[in-house]
PDB file of N, CA and C in Angstrom:
ATOM      1  N   LEU A   1       0.835  -1.161   0.167  1.00  0.00           N
ATOM      2  CA  LEU A   1       0.019  -0.107   0.125  1.00  0.00           C
ATOM      3  C   LEU A   1       1.219   1.571   0.110  1.00  0.00           C
ATOM      4  N   ARG A   2       0.951   2.316  -0.748  1.00  0.00           N
ATOM      5  CA  ARG A   2       1.431   3.398  -0.879  1.00  0.00           C
ATOM      6  C   ARG A   2       0.056   4.714  -0.663  1.00  0.00           C
ATOM      7  N   ARG A   3       1.124   5.829  -0.669  1.00  0.00           N
ATOM      8  CA  ARG A   3       0.096   6.835  -1.434  1.00  0.00           C
ATOM      9  C   ARG A   3       1.199   8.171  -2.759  1.00  0.00           C
ATOM     10  N   LEU A   4       0.369   8.306  -3.443  1.00  0.00           N
ATOM     11  CA  LEU A   4       1.085   8.687  -4.497  1.00  0.00           C
ATOM     12  C   LEU A   4       1.334  10.142  -4.258  1.00  0.00           C
ATOM     13  N   TYR A   5       2.236  10.627  -4.376  1.00  0.00           N
ATOM     14  CA  TYR A   5       2.238  12.436  -3.972  1.00  0.00           C
ATOM     15  C   TYR A   5       2.821  13.121  -4.915  1.00  0.00           C
ATOM     16  N   CYS A   6       2.161  14.587  -5.538  1.00  0.00           N
ATOM     17  CA  CYS A   6       2.066  14.996  -6.458  1.00  0.00           C
ATOM     18  C   CYS A   6       3.091  16.117  -5.661  1.00  0.00           C
ATOM     19  N   ASN A   7       3.896  16.624  -6.413  1.00  0.00           N
ATOM     20  CA  ASN A   7       5.025  17.797  -6.075  1.00  0.00           C
ATOM     21  C   ASN A   7       4.619  18.784  -7.077  1.00  0.00           C
ATOM     22  N   VAL A   8       3.476  19.091  -6.921  1.00  0.00           N
ATOM     23  CA  VAL A   8       2.646  20.687  -7.215  1.00  0.00           C
ATOM     24  C   VAL A   8       2.152  21.683  -6.580  1.00  0.00           C
ATOM     25  N   GLY A   9       2.276  22.957  -6.669  1.00  0.00           N
ATOM     26  CA  GLY A   9       1.982  23.796  -5.227  1.00  0.00           C
ATOM     27  C   GLY A   9       2.720  23.587  -4.155  1.00  0.00           C
ATOM     28  N   ILE A  10       2.156  23.290  -3.129  1.00  0.00           N
ATOM     29  CA  ILE A  10       2.651  22.719  -1.688  1.00  0.00           C
ATOM     30  C   ILE A  10       2.525  21.653  -1.674  1.00  0.00           C
ATOM     31  N   GLY A  11       2.663  20.721  -2.719  1.00  0.00           N
ATOM     32  CA  GLY A  11       2.145  19.020  -2.326  1.00  0.00           C
ATOM     33  C   GLY A  11       1.168  18.673  -1.833  1.00  0.00           C
ATOM     34  N   PHE A  12       0.598  17.453  -2.871  1.00  0.00           N
ATOM     35  CA  PHE A  12      -0.782  16.573  -2.831  1.00  0.00           C
ATOM     36  C   PHE A  12      -0.800  15.031  -2.987  1.00  0.00           C
ATOM     37  N   HIS A  13      -1.761  14.603  -1.809  1.00  0.00           N
ATOM     38  CA  HIS A  13      -1.075  13.325  -2.253  1.00  0.00           C
ATOM     39  C   HIS A  13      -3.135  12.833  -3.376  1.00  0.00           C
ATOM     40  N   VAL A  14      -2.438  12.112  -4.116  1.00  0.00           N
ATOM     41  CA  VAL A  14      -4.168  11.492  -4.551  1.00  0.00           C
ATOM     42  C   VAL A  14      -4.837  10.865  -3.814  1.00  0.00           C
ATOM     43  N   GLN A  15      -6.204  11.441  -4.140  1.00  0.00           N
ATOM     44  CA  GLN A  15      -7.208  10.221  -3.811  1.00  0.00           C
ATOM     45  C   GLN A  15      -8.423  10.428  -4.521  1.00  0.00           C
ATOM     46  N   VAL A  16      -8.955   8.657  -3.974  1.00  0.00           N
ATOM     47  CA  VAL A  16      -9.712   8.199  -4.744  1.00  0.00           C
ATOM     48  C   VAL A  16     -10.834   8.373  -4.057  1.00  0.00           C
ATOM     49  N   LEU A  17     -12.139   9.390  -4.063  1.00  0.00           N
ATOM     50  CA  LEU A  17     -12.920   8.986  -3.355  1.00  0.00           C
ATOM     51  C   LEU A  17     -14.404   8.197  -3.894  1.00  0.00           C
ATOM     52  N   PRO A  18     -15.531   7.934  -2.559  1.00  0.00           N
ATOM     53  CA  PRO A  18     -16.559   7.082  -2.789  1.00  0.00           C
ATOM     54  C   PRO A  18     -17.344   7.301  -4.097  1.00  0.00           C
ATOM     55  N   ASP A  19     -17.428   8.712  -4.392  1.00  0.00           N
ATOM     56  CA  ASP A  19     -18.346   9.281  -5.554  1.00  0.00           C
ATOM     57  C   ASP A  19     -18.172   8.913  -6.672  1.00  0.00           C
ATOM     58  N   GLY A  20     -16.451   8.503  -6.666  1.00  0.00           N
ATOM     59  CA  GLY A  20     -15.573   8.584  -7.881  1.00  0.00           C
ATOM     60  C   GLY A  20     -14.695   9.888  -8.257  1.00  0.00           C
ATOM     61  N   LYS A  21     -14.158  10.638  -7.675  1.00  0.00           N
ATOM     62  CA  LYS A  21     -14.358  11.873  -8.007  1.00  0.00           C
ATOM     63  C   LYS A  21     -12.750  11.617  -7.452  1.00  0.00           C
ATOM     64  N   ILE A  22     -11.470  11.952  -7.871  1.00  0.00           N
ATOM     65  CA  ILE A  22      -9.995  12.004  -8.109  1.00  0.00           C
ATOM     66  C   ILE A  22      -9.557  13.468  -7.698  1.00  0.00           C
ATOM     67  N   HIS A  23      -8.971  13.495  -6.676  1.00  0.00           N
ATOM     68  CA  HIS A  23      -8.647  15.191  -5.860  1.00  0.00           C
ATOM     69  C   HIS A  23      -7.279  15.074  -5.651  1.00  0.00           C
ATOM     70  N   GLY A  24      -6.694  16.054  -5.064  1.00  0.00           N
ATOM     71  CA  GLY A  24      -5.341  15.710  -4.178  1.00  0.00           C
ATOM     72  C   GLY A  24      -5.845  16.253  -2.966  1.00  0.00           C
ATOM     73  N   THR A  25      -5.119  15.859  -1.715  1.00  0.00           N
ATOM     74  CA  THR A  25      -5.430  16.084  -0.340  1.00  0.00           C
ATOM     75  C   THR A  25      -4.028  16.689   0.090  1.00  0.00           C
ATOM     76  N   HIS A  26      -3.756  18.092   1.297  1.00  0.00           N
ATOM     77  CA  HIS A  26      -2.333  18.050   1.208  1.00  0.00           C
ATOM     78  C   HIS A  26      -2.334  17.087   2.305  1.00  0.00           C
ATOM     79  N   ASN A  27      -3.125  16.686   3.356  1.00  0.00           N
ATOM     80  CA  ASN A  27      -2.960  16.018   4.174  1.00  0.00           C
ATOM     81  C   ASN A  27      -3.153  14.006   4.240  1.00  0.00           C
ATOM     82  N   GLU A  28      -2.622  12.986   4.351  1.00  0.00           N
ATOM     83  CA  GLU A  28      -2.585  12.001   4.449  1.00  0.00           C
ATOM     84  C   GLU A  28      -4.233  11.572   5.028  1.00  0.00           C
ATOM     85  N   ASN A  29      -4.586  10.384   4.388  1.00  0.00           N
ATOM     86  CA  ASN A  29      -6.172  10.424   4.657  1.00  0.00           C
ATOM     87  C   ASN A  29      -6.615   8.942   4.488  1.00  0.00           C
ATOM     88  N   ARG A  30      -7.710   8.062   4.611  1.00  0.00           N
ATOM     89  CA  ARG A  30      -8.216   6.927   4.107  1.00  0.00           C
ATOM     90  C   ARG A  30      -8.215   6.774   3.068  1.00  0.00           C
ATOM     91  N   TYR A  31      -8.476   7.922   2.032  1.00  0.00           N
ATOM     92  CA  TYR A  31      -8.274   7.923   0.744  1.00  0.00           C
ATOM     93  C   TYR A  31      -7.756   7.899  -0.097  1.00  0.00           C
ATOM     94  N   SER A  32      -6.726   8.570   0.220  1.00  0.00           N
ATOM     95  CA  SER A  32      -5.177   8.738  -0.405  1.00  0.00           C
ATOM     96  C   SER A  32      -4.872   7.379  -0.556  1.00  0.00           C
ATOM     97  N   LEU A  33      -4.943   6.234   0.605  1.00  0.00           N
ATOM     98  CA  LEU A  33      -4.067   5.248   0.743  1.00  0.00           C
ATOM     99  C   LEU A  33      -4.654   4.375  -0.463  1.00  0.00           C
ATOM    100  N   LEU A  34      -3.600   4.054  -1.447  1.00  0.00           N
ATOM    101  CA  LEU A  34      -3.546   3.502  -2.601  1.00  0.00           C
ATOM    102  C   LEU A  34      -2.859   2.005  -2.829  1.00  0.00           C
ATOM    103  N   GLU A  35      -3.447   1.361  -3.760  1.00  0.00           N
ATOM    104  CA  GLU A  35      -2.725  -0.363  -3.458  1.00  0.00           C
ATOM    105  C   GLU A  35      -2.129  -0.357  -4.882  1.00  0.00           C
ATOM    106  N   ILE A  36      -1.313   0.027  -5.156  1.00  0.00           N
ATOM    107  CA  ILE A  36      -0.754   0.070  -6.723  1.00  0.00           C
ATOM    108  C   ILE A  36      -0.083  -1.471  -6.675  1.00  0.00           C
ATOM    109  N   SER A  37      -0.443  -2.014  -7.990  1.00  0.00           N
ATOM    110  CA  SER A  37      -0.394  -3.450  -7.965  1.00  0.00           C
ATOM    111  C   SER A  37       0.015  -3.560  -9.955  1.00  0.00           C
ATOM    112  N   PRO A  38       1.054  -4.546 -10.008  1.00  0.00           N
ATOM    113  CA  PRO A  38       1.778  -4.641 -11.300  1.00  0.00           C
ATOM    114  C   PRO A  38       0.663  -5.368 -12.223  1.00  0.00           C
ATOM    115  N   VAL A  39       0.226  -4.991 -13.385  1.00  0.00           N
ATOM    116  CA  VAL A  39      -0.306  -6.539 -13.922  1.00  0.00           C
ATOM    117  C   VAL A  39      -0.195  -6.790 -15.853  1.00  0.00           C
ATOM    118  N   GLU A  40       1.191  -6.188 -15.856  1.00  0.00           N
ATOM    119  CA  GLU A  40       2.415  -6.656 -16.596  1.00  0.00           C
ATOM    120  C   GLU A  40       3.744  -5.766 -16.476  1.00  0.00           C
ATOM    121  N   ARG A  41       4.467  -6.585 -17.566  1.00  0.00           N
ATOM    122  CA  ARG A  41       6.435  -5.635 -17.485  1.00  0.00           C
ATOM    123  C   ARG A  41       5.899  -4.194 -17.284  1.00  0.00           C
ATOM    124  N   GLY A  42       6.047  -3.455 -16.191  1.00  0.00           N
ATOM    125  CA  GLY A  42       5.901  -1.959 -16.353  1.00  0.00           C
ATOM    126  C   GLY A  42       4.740  -1.239 -16.458  1.00  0.00           C
ATOM    127  N   VAL A  43       3.739  -2.017 -16.378  1.00  0.00           N
ATOM    128  CA  VAL A  43       2.107  -1.392 -16.237  1.00  0.00           C
ATOM    129  C   VAL A  43       1.684  -1.728 -14.946  1.00  0.00           C
ATOM    130  N   VAL A  44       1.241  -0.481 -14.456  1.00  0.00           N
ATOM    131  CA  VAL A  44       0.106  -1.091 -13.324  1.00  0.00           C
ATOM    132  C   VAL A  44      -1.311  -0.903 -12.656  1.00  0.00           C
ATOM    133  N   SER A  45      -2.130  -1.189 -11.691  1.00  0.00           N
ATOM    134  CA  SER A  45      -3.512  -0.950 -11.835  1.00  0.00           C
ATOM    135  C   SER A  45      -2.798  -0.169 -10.488  1.00  0.00           C
ATOM    136  N   ILE A  46      -3.896   1.234 -10.092  1.00  0.00           N
ATOM    137  CA  ILE A  46      -4.273   1.825  -8.789  1.00  0.00           C
ATOM    138  C   ILE A  46      -5.654   1.559  -7.969  1.00  0.00           C
ATOM    139  N   LEU A  47      -5.629   0.521  -7.101  1.00  0.00           N
ATOM    140  CA  LEU A  47      -7.256   0.834  -6.405  1.00  0.00           C
ATOM    141  C   LEU A  47      -7.234   1.750  -5.209  1.00  0.00           C
ATOM    142  N   GLY A  48      -7.872   2.676  -4.828  1.00  0.00           N
ATOM    143  CA  GLY A  48      -8.221   3.415  -4.061  1.00  0.00           C
ATOM    144  C   GLY A  48      -8.921   2.341  -2.817  1.00  0.00           C
ATOM    145  N   VAL A  49      -7.992   1.998  -1.728  1.00  0.00           N
ATOM    146  CA  VAL A  49      -8.378   1.247  -0.987  1.00  0.00           C
ATOM    147  C   VAL A  49      -9.557   1.211  -0.229  1.00  0.00           C
ATOM    148  N   LYS A  50      -9.717   2.590   0.503  1.00  0.00           N
ATOM    149  CA  LYS A  50     -11.202   2.444   1.277  1.00  0.00           C
ATOM    150  C   LYS A  50     -12.695   2.555   0.388  1.00  0.00           C
ATOM    151  N   SER A  51     -12.092   3.494  -1.067  1.00  0.00           N
ATOM    152  CA  SER A  51     -13.166   3.611  -1.586  1.00  0.00           C
ATOM    153  C   SER A  51     -13.624   2.517  -2.834  1.00  0.00           C
ATOM    154  N   ALA A  52     -12.401   1.389  -2.724  1.00  0.00           N
ATOM    155  CA  ALA A  52     -12.521  -0.147  -3.265  1.00  0.00           C
ATOM    156  C   ALA A  52     -12.572   0.736  -4.846  1.00  0.00           C
ATOM    157  N   LEU A  53     -12.557   1.469  -5.704  1.00  0.00           N
ATOM    158  CA  LEU A  53     -12.376   2.526  -6.947  1.00  0.00           C
ATOM    159  C   LEU A  53     -11.090   2.165  -7.299  1.00  0.00           C
ATOM    160  N   PHE A  54     -11.252   1.516  -8.778  1.00  0.00           N
ATOM    161  CA  PHE A  54      -9.705   1.978  -9.615  1.00  0.00           C
ATOM    162  C   PHE A  54      -9.921   3.305  -9.828  1.00  0.00           C
ATOM    163  N   LEU A  55      -8.435   3.523 -10.257  1.00  0.00           N
ATOM    164  CA  LEU A  55      -8.042   4.623 -10.811  1.00  0.00           C
ATOM    165  C   LEU A  55      -7.880   4.571 -12.098  1.00  0.00           C
ATOM    166  N   ALA A  56      -8.868   5.731 -13.209  1.00  0.00           N
ATOM    167  CA  ALA A  56      -9.131   5.401 -14.168  1.00  0.00           C
ATOM    168  C   ALA A  56      -9.252   6.855 -15.796  1.00  0.00           C
ATOM    169  N   MET A  57      -8.811   6.575 -16.765  1.00  0.00           N
ATOM    170  CA  MET A  57      -8.654   7.406 -17.880  1.00  0.00           C
ATOM    171  C   MET A  57      -9.818   7.289 -19.112  1.00  0.00           C
ATOM    172  N   ASN A  58     -10.502   8.940 -18.706  1.00  0.00           N
ATOM    173  CA  ASN A  58     -10.918   8.037 -20.154  1.00  0.00           C
ATOM    174  C   ASN A  58     -10.237   8.726 -21.928  1.00  0.00           C
ATOM    175  N   ASN A  59     -10.698   8.713 -22.605  1.00  0.00           N
ATOM    176  CA  ASN A  59      -9.881   8.859 -24.307  1.00  0.00           C
ATOM    177  C   ASN A  59      -9.728  10.549 -24.455  1.00  0.00           C
ATOM    178  N   ARG A  60     -10.395  11.341 -23.128  1.00  0.00           N
ATOM    179  CA  ARG A  60     -10.281  12.961 -22.850  1.00  0.00           C
ATOM    180  C   ARG A  60      -9.193  12.993 -21.836  1.00  0.00           C
ATOM    181  N   GLY A  61      -8.402  12.353 -21.365  1.00  0.00           N
ATOM    182  CA  GLY A  61      -7.670  12.584 -20.240  1.00  0.00           C
ATOM    183  C   GLY A  61      -8.147  13.141 -18.613  1.00  0.00           C
ATOM    184  N   LYS A  62      -9.740  12.479 -18.518  1.00  0.00           N
ATOM    185  CA  LYS A  62     -10.578  12.867 -17.309  1.00  0.00           C
ATOM    186  C   LYS A  62     -10.201  11.682 -16.351  1.00  0.00           C
ATOM    187  N   LEU A  63      -9.492  11.622 -15.229  1.00  0.00           N
ATOM    188  CA  LEU A  63      -9.083  11.109 -14.002  1.00  0.00           C
ATOM    189  C   LEU A  63     -10.999  10.724 -13.860  1.00  0.00           C
ATOM    190  N   TYR A  64     -11.531   9.039 -13.291  1.00  0.00           N
ATOM    191  CA  TYR A  64     -12.153   8.785 -12.843  1.00  0.00           C
ATOM    192  C   TYR A  64     -12.044   7.859 -11.803  1.00  0.00           C
ATOM    193  N   GLY A  65     -12.807   7.412 -10.808  1.00  0.00           N
ATOM    194  CA  GLY A  65     -12.853   6.135  -9.589  1.00  0.00           C
ATOM    195  C   GLY A  65     -13.628   4.706 -10.819  1.00  0.00           C
ATOM    196  N   SER A  66     -13.458   3.922 -10.680  1.00  0.00           N
ATOM    197  CA  SER A  66     -14.195   3.591 -11.652  1.00  0.00           C
ATOM    198  C   SER A  66     -14.599   1.626 -10.713  1.00  0.00           C
ATOM    199  N   LYS A  67     -15.273   1.101 -10.490  1.00  0.00           N
ATOM    200  CA  LYS A  67     -15.955  -0.133  -9.824  1.00  0.00           C
ATOM    201  C   LYS A  67     -15.267  -1.478 -11.047  1.00  0.00           C
ATOM    202  N   GLN A  68     -15.141  -0.874 -12.164  1.00  0.00           N
ATOM    203  CA  GLN A  68     -15.122  -2.103 -12.573  1.00  0.00           C
ATOM    204  C   GLN A  68     -13.403  -1.660 -13.373  1.00  0.00           C
ATOM    205  N   TYR A  69     -12.643  -3.166 -13.755  1.00  0.00           N
ATOM    206  CA  TYR A  69     -11.533  -3.192 -13.946  1.00  0.00           C
ATOM    207  C   TYR A  69     -11.572  -3.188 -15.466  1.00  0.00           C
ATOM    208  N   SER A  70     -10.752  -1.848 -16.095  1.00  0.00           N
ATOM    209  CA  SER A  70     -10.788  -1.935 -17.412  1.00  0.00           C
ATOM    210  C   SER A  70      -9.739  -1.940 -18.114  1.00  0.00           C
ATOM    211  N   GLU A  71      -9.452  -1.808 -19.253  1.00  0.00           N
ATOM    212  CA  GLU A  71      -8.253  -1.580 -19.944  1.00  0.00           C
ATOM    213  C   GLU A  71      -7.088   0.171 -19.672  1.00  0.00           C
ATOM    214  N   GLU A  72      -9.010   0.928 -19.132  1.00  0.00           N
ATOM    215  CA  GLU A  72      -8.566   2.347 -19.029  1.00  0.00           C
ATOM    216  C   GLU A  72      -8.082   2.712 -17.170  1.00  0.00           C
ATOM    217  N   CYS A  73      -8.011   1.562 -17.234  1.00  0.00           N
ATOM    218  CA  CYS A  73      -7.447   1.511 -15.105  1.00  0.00           C
ATOM    219  C   CYS A  73      -5.797   0.624 -15.527  1.00  0.00           C
ATOM    220  N   LYS A  74      -5.144   1.144 -16.531  1.00  0.00           N
ATOM    221  CA  LYS A  74      -4.311   0.374 -16.273  1.00  0.00           C
ATOM    222  C   LYS A  74      -2.970   1.871 -16.873  1.00  0.00           C
ATOM    223  N   PHE A  75      -1.857   1.714 -16.281  1.00  0.00           N
ATOM    224  CA  PHE A  75      -1.154   2.841 -16.453  1.00  0.00           C
ATOM    225  C   PHE A  75       0.514   2.304 -16.261  1.00  0.00           C
ATOM    226  N   LYS A  76       0.954   2.972 -17.444  1.00  0.00           N
ATOM    227  CA  LYS A  76       2.445   2.313 -17.177  1.00  0.00           C
ATOM    228  C   LYS A  76       3.015   3.382 -16.465  1.00  0.00           C
ATOM    229  N   GLU A  77       4.813   2.986 -15.880  1.00  0.00           N
ATOM    230  CA  GLU A  77       5.137   3.546 -14.418  1.00  0.00           C
ATOM    231  C   GLU A  77       6.786   3.798 -14.988  1.00  0.00           C
ATOM    232  N   PRO A  78       6.986   4.581 -15.567  1.00  0.00           N
ATOM    233  CA  PRO A  78       8.339   4.901 -15.957  1.00  0.00           C
ATOM    234  C   PRO A  78       9.353   5.987 -14.989  1.00  0.00           C
ATOM    235  N   LEU A  79      10.367   5.164 -14.234  1.00  0.00           N
ATOM    236  CA  LEU A  79      10.835   6.414 -13.544  1.00  0.00           C
ATOM    237  C   LEU A  79      11.681   7.159 -14.066  1.00  0.00           C
ATOM    238  N   LEU A  80      11.421   8.703 -13.319  1.00  0.00           N
ATOM    239  CA  LEU A  80      11.524   9.994 -14.130  1.00  0.00           C
ATOM    240  C   LEU A  80      13.583   9.776 -13.891  1.00  0.00           C
ATOM    241  N   ALA A  81      14.262  10.934 -14.343  1.00  0.00           N
ATOM    242  CA  ALA A  81      15.284  11.580 -14.613  1.00  0.00           C
ATOM    243  C   ALA A  81      15.384  11.861 -12.353  1.00  0.00           C
ATOM    244  N   ASN A  82      14.529  12.352 -11.934  1.00  0.00           N
ATOM    245  CA  ASN A  82      14.497  13.023 -10.540  1.00  0.00           C
ATOM    246  C   ASN A  82      13.794  12.339  -9.363  1.00  0.00           C
ATOM    247  N   ASN A  83      13.629  10.568 -10.131  1.00  0.00           N
ATOM    248  CA  ASN A  83      13.610   9.461  -8.736  1.00  0.00           C
ATOM    249  C   ASN A  83      11.858  10.000  -8.806  1.00  0.00           C
ATOM    250  N   TYR A  84      11.548  10.233  -9.625  1.00  0.00           N
ATOM    251  CA  TYR A  84       9.709  10.678  -8.923  1.00  0.00           C
ATOM    252  C   TYR A  84       9.171   9.470 -10.275  1.00  0.00           C
ATOM    253  N   ASN A  85       8.317   8.533 -10.242  1.00  0.00           N
ATOM    254  CA  ASN A  85       7.196   8.332 -10.726  1.00  0.00           C
ATOM    255  C   ASN A  85       6.606   8.783 -11.880  1.00  0.00           C
ATOM    256  N   ALA A  86       6.066   8.832 -13.121  1.00  0.00           N
ATOM    257  CA  ALA A  86       5.229   9.277 -13.703  1.00  0.00           C
ATOM    258  C   ALA A  86       4.474   8.308 -14.328  1.00  0.00           C
ATOM    259  N   TYR A  87       2.753   8.826 -14.216  1.00  0.00           N
ATOM    260  CA  TYR A  87       2.620   7.661 -14.083  1.00  0.00           C
ATOM    261  C   TYR A  87       0.962   7.936 -15.982  1.00  0.00           C
ATOM    262  N   GLU A  88       1.803   7.049 -16.919  1.00  0.00           N
ATOM    263  CA  GLU A  88       0.265   7.972 -18.390  1.00  0.00           C
ATOM    264  C   GLU A  88      -0.404   6.239 -18.853  1.00  0.00           C
ATOM    265  N   SER A  89      -1.280   6.437 -19.394  1.00  0.00           N
ATOM    266  CA  SER A  89      -2.599   5.928 -19.747  1.00  0.00           C
ATOM    267  C   SER A  89      -1.877   4.833 -20.379  1.00  0.00           C
ATOM    268  N   ARG A  90      -1.787   3.655 -20.421  1.00  0.00           N
ATOM    269  CA  ARG A  90      -1.663   2.605 -21.149  1.00  0.00           C
ATOM    270  C   ARG A  90      -2.255   3.021 -22.871  1.00  0.00           C
ATOM    271  N   GLN A  91      -3.704   3.176 -21.861  1.00  0.00           N
ATOM    272  CA  GLN A  91      -4.908   2.578 -23.556  1.00  0.00           C
ATOM    273  C   GLN A  91      -4.235   4.610 -24.121  1.00  0.00           C
ATOM    274  N   TYR A  92      -4.717   5.276 -23.574  1.00  0.00           N
ATOM    275  CA  TYR A  92      -4.461   6.611 -24.111  1.00  0.00           C
ATOM    276  C   TYR A  92      -2.770   7.041 -23.941  1.00  0.00           C
ATOM    277  N   PRO A  93      -2.171   6.805 -24.917  1.00  0.00           N
ATOM    278  CA  PRO A  93      -0.526   7.006 -24.852  1.00  0.00           C
ATOM    279  C   PRO A  93      -0.190   8.701 -24.693  1.00  0.00           C
ATOM    280  N   GLY A  94       0.829   9.144 -23.991  1.00  0.00           N
ATOM    281  CA  GLY A  94       0.768  10.420 -23.690  1.00  0.00           C
ATOM    282  C   GLY A  94      -0.474  11.430 -22.780  1.00  0.00           C
ATOM    283  N   MET A  95      -1.032  10.417 -22.171  1.00  0.00           N
ATOM    284  CA  MET A  95      -1.753  11.298 -21.011  1.00  0.00           C
ATOM    285  C   MET A  95      -1.276  10.475 -19.959  1.00  0.00           C
ATOM    286  N   TYR A  96      -1.517  11.498 -18.560  1.00  0.00           N
ATOM    287  CA  TYR A  96      -0.558  11.415 -17.246  1.00  0.00           C
ATOM    288  C   TYR A  96      -1.240  11.720 -16.500  1.00  0.00           C
ATOM    289  N   ILE A  97      -1.472  10.738 -15.687  1.00  0.00           N
ATOM    290  CA  ILE A  97      -1.671  11.388 -13.513  1.00  0.00           C
ATOM    291  C   ILE A  97      -1.181  12.834 -13.197  1.00  0.00           C
ATOM    292  N   ALA A  98      -2.169  13.878 -13.388  1.00  0.00           N
ATOM    293  CA  ALA A  98      -1.476  14.940 -13.107  1.00  0.00           C
ATOM    294  C   ALA A  98      -2.662  15.798 -12.117  1.00  0.00           C
ATOM    295  N   LEU A  99      -2.596  16.583 -11.318  1.00  0.00           N
ATOM    296  CA  LEU A  99      -2.952  17.439 -10.426  1.00  0.00           C
ATOM    297  C   LEU A  99      -2.601  19.395 -10.861  1.00  0.00           C
ATOM    298  N   SER A 100      -3.262  19.755 -10.887  1.00  0.00           N
ATOM    299  CA  SER A 100      -2.934  21.342 -10.821  1.00  0.00           C
ATOM    300  C   SER A 100      -2.745  21.727  -9.470  1.00  0.00           C
ATOM    301  N   LYS A 101      -2.081  22.955  -9.620  1.00  0.00           N
ATOM    302  CA  LYS A 101      -1.663  23.492  -8.018  1.00  0.00           C
ATOM    303  C   LYS A 101      -2.477  23.715  -6.722  1.00  0.00           C
ATOM    304  N   ASN A 102      -4.093  23.676  -7.471  1.00  0.00           N
ATOM    305  CA  ASN A 102      -5.025  23.343  -6.433  1.00  0.00           C
ATOM    306  C   ASN A 102      -5.424  22.161  -6.008  1.00  0.00           C
ATOM    307  N   GLY A 103      -5.027  21.238  -6.267  1.00  0.00           N
ATOM    308  CA  GLY A 103      -5.107  19.904  -5.936  1.00  0.00           C
ATOM    309  C   GLY A 103      -6.292  18.944  -6.951  1.00  0.00           C
ATOM    310  N   ARG A 104      -6.773  19.691  -8.060  1.00  0.00           N
ATOM    311  CA  ARG A 104      -7.455  19.469  -8.610  1.00  0.00           C
ATOM    312  C   ARG A 104      -7.190  18.530 -10.373  1.00  0.00           C
ATOM    313  N   THR A 105      -7.788  17.768 -10.593  1.00  0.00           N
ATOM    314  CA  THR A 105      -7.226  16.660 -11.980  1.00  0.00           C
ATOM    315  C   THR A 105      -7.194  17.759 -12.780  1.00  0.00           C
ATOM    316  N   LYS A 106      -6.118  17.518 -13.446  1.00  0.00           N
ATOM    317  CA  LYS A 106      -5.339  17.741 -15.282  1.00  0.00           C
ATOM    318  C   LYS A 106      -5.540  16.776 -16.387  1.00  0.00           C
ATOM    319  N   ARG A 107      -6.393  17.309 -17.105  1.00  0.00           N
ATOM    320  CA  ARG A 107      -6.300  16.462 -18.417  1.00  0.00           C
ATOM    321  C   ARG A 107      -5.367  16.074 -18.482  1.00  0.00           C
ATOM    322  N   GLY A 108      -5.601  14.930 -18.760  1.00  0.00           N
ATOM    323  CA  GLY A 108      -3.896  13.622 -19.191  1.00  0.00           C
ATOM    324  C   GLY A 108      -3.310  14.456 -20.163  1.00  0.00           C
ATOM    325  N   ASN A 109      -3.320  15.155 -21.015  1.00  0.00           N
ATOM    326  CA  ASN A 109      -3.111  15.299 -22.117  1.00  0.00           C
ATOM    327  C   ASN A 109      -2.342  16.835 -22.032  1.00  0.00           C
ATOM    328  N   ARG A 110      -3.108  17.596 -20.644  1.00  0.00           N
ATOM    329  CA  ARG A 110      -2.660  18.716 -20.467  1.00  0.00           C
ATOM    330  C   ARG A 110      -1.235  19.584 -19.715  1.00  0.00           C
ATOM    331  N   VAL A 111      -0.671  17.615 -19.738  1.00  0.00           N
ATOM    332  CA  VAL A 111       0.255  18.118 -18.276  1.00  0.00           C
ATOM    333  C   VAL A 111       1.558  18.605 -19.197  1.00  0.00           C
TER     334      VAL A 111
END
């Protein structure tokens, strides 16, 4: 179990809320606890432990919580030069998990 930290603004943890919304929070909480599981080499799925929803991205780059596991729930996990990980949609290459400086999700293609 891990938390995804986004080093933007003053920093946020990604959280998957029970209503399917994805947000950033400054403080660790039960919705920011994530289970990151390998699904194939270099590809992971991300499950919100408390919400029981998978982090997913649609074809417009919008992040959402999904009850069902699908291709939209798979993310490539490269290690960047700064030792942070990036999470790129496997289904929609070039779209990444990202938060704005206010903790709101950014469309995956606007990173």
